[in-house]
Amino acid sequence: MTKAEIVNEIAKNTGIDKATVLTTVESFMETVKDSLAKKDNVYLRGFGSFIIKERAEKKARNISKNTTITIPAHNIPAFRPAKSFTEVVK
């Protein structure tokens, strides 16, 4: 499902015009990104959590040059679904 399809579905279910729904959806996504950029997790009860996972420094191999490189520690965004969310999908 694309963002446009989500906007259409919400507009159809709520009766709110698509422009307002699009602004709301984009604002939600921007707020989540900003929070994760500040290393603040976002918790949505009954839906799931947008969290920051910390990856440790590790060694990797460059096969084409036959060398070892070090990948520095870094953070990645992740989504952890709530139990009720997982049960509905199963």
Protein backbone atom coordinates (compact mmCIF):
# COMPACT_ATOMS: atom_id res chain seq x y z
CA MET A 1 0.00 0.00 0.00
CA THR A 2 1.39 3.40 -0.96
CA LYS A 3 1.06 6.71 0.87
CA ALA A 4 -1.52 7.84 -1.72
CA GLU A 5 -3.60 4.72 -1.10
CA ILE A 6 -3.40 5.30 2.67
CA VAL A 7 -4.56 8.90 2.19
CA ASN A 8 -7.45 7.77 -0.04
CA GLU A 9 -8.54 5.11 2.47
CA ILE A 10 -8.46 7.49 5.44
CA ALA A 11 -10.31 10.20 3.47
CA LYS A 12 -12.98 7.68 2.44
CA ASN A 13 -13.42 6.32 5.98
CA THR A 14 -13.49 9.69 7.77
CA GLY A 15 -15.02 12.03 5.20
CA ILE A 16 -12.10 14.46 5.57
CA ASP A 17 -10.76 15.92 2.33
CA LYS A 18 -7.64 14.31 0.86
CA ALA A 19 -5.47 17.44 1.13
CA THR A 20 -5.99 17.61 4.91
CA VAL A 21 -5.36 13.89 5.31
CA LEU A 22 -2.19 14.12 3.19
CA THR A 23 -0.90 17.00 5.33
CA THR A 24 -1.65 15.03 8.49
CA VAL A 25 0.04 11.84 7.26
CA GLU A 26 3.13 13.72 6.09
CA SER A 27 3.27 15.63 9.37
CA PHE A 28 3.08 12.35 11.30
CA MET A 29 5.92 10.84 9.27
CA GLU A 30 8.04 13.97 9.69
CA THR A 31 7.44 13.97 13.45
CA VAL A 32 8.51 10.32 13.72
CA LYS A 33 11.67 11.00 11.66
CA ASP A 34 12.54 14.06 13.75
CA SER A 35 12.05 12.14 16.99
CA LEU A 36 14.24 9.27 15.82
CA ALA A 37 16.89 11.73 14.62
CA LYS A 38 16.98 13.09 18.19
CA LYS A 39 17.27 9.47 19.43
CA ASP A 40 13.80 9.56 21.00
CA ASN A 41 11.77 6.40 20.45
CA VAL A 42 8.11 6.70 19.39
CA TYR A 43 5.59 4.42 21.14
CA LEU A 44 2.08 3.92 19.71
CA ARG A 45 0.08 1.71 22.08
CA GLY A 46 -1.69 -1.10 20.23
CA PHE A 47 0.27 -0.47 17.03
CA GLY A 48 3.99 -0.63 17.71
CA SER A 49 7.17 1.29 18.39
CA PHE A 50 9.57 3.13 16.14
CA ILE A 51 12.93 2.66 17.82
CA ILE A 52 16.62 3.33 17.30
CA LYS A 53 18.84 0.25 17.24
CA GLU A 54 22.52 0.67 17.93
CA ARG A 55 24.88 -1.38 15.78
CA ALA A 56 28.31 -2.09 17.23
CA GLU A 57 31.54 -1.60 15.32
CA LYS A 58 32.46 -4.67 13.30
CA LYS A 59 35.02 -6.03 10.90
CA ALA A 60 34.01 -6.86 7.33
CA ARG A 61 35.79 -8.16 4.24
CA ASN A 62 36.10 -6.50 0.87
CA ILE A 63 36.26 -9.63 -1.27
CA SER A 64 37.27 -7.90 -4.51
CA LYS A 65 40.34 -6.26 -2.92
CA ASN A 66 40.91 -9.03 -0.34
CA THR A 67 41.12 -6.53 2.52
CA THR A 68 39.53 -6.17 5.91
CA ILE A 69 37.60 -3.00 6.69
CA THR A 70 36.07 -1.68 9.89
CA ILE A 71 32.45 -0.62 9.84
CA PRO A 72 31.98 2.02 12.55
CA ALA A 73 29.23 1.84 15.18
CA HIS A 74 26.01 3.42 13.95
CA ASN A 75 22.28 3.72 14.66
CA ILE A 76 19.46 2.44 12.46
CA PRO A 77 15.69 3.01 12.67
CA ALA A 78 13.49 -0.02 13.30
CA PHE A 79 9.82 -0.84 13.85
CA ARG A 80 8.73 -3.26 16.56
CA PRO A 81 5.02 -4.20 16.20
CA ALA A 82 2.77 -4.54 19.24
CA LYS A 83 1.48 -8.00 20.18
CA SER A 84 -2.06 -7.12 19.10
CA PHE A 85 -0.70 -5.89 15.73
CA THR A 86 1.22 -9.13 15.22
CA GLU A 87 -1.81 -11.27 16.11
CA VAL A 88 -3.99 -9.51 13.52
CA VAL A 89 -1.38 -10.00 10.78
CA LYS A 90 -0.88 -13.70 11.58
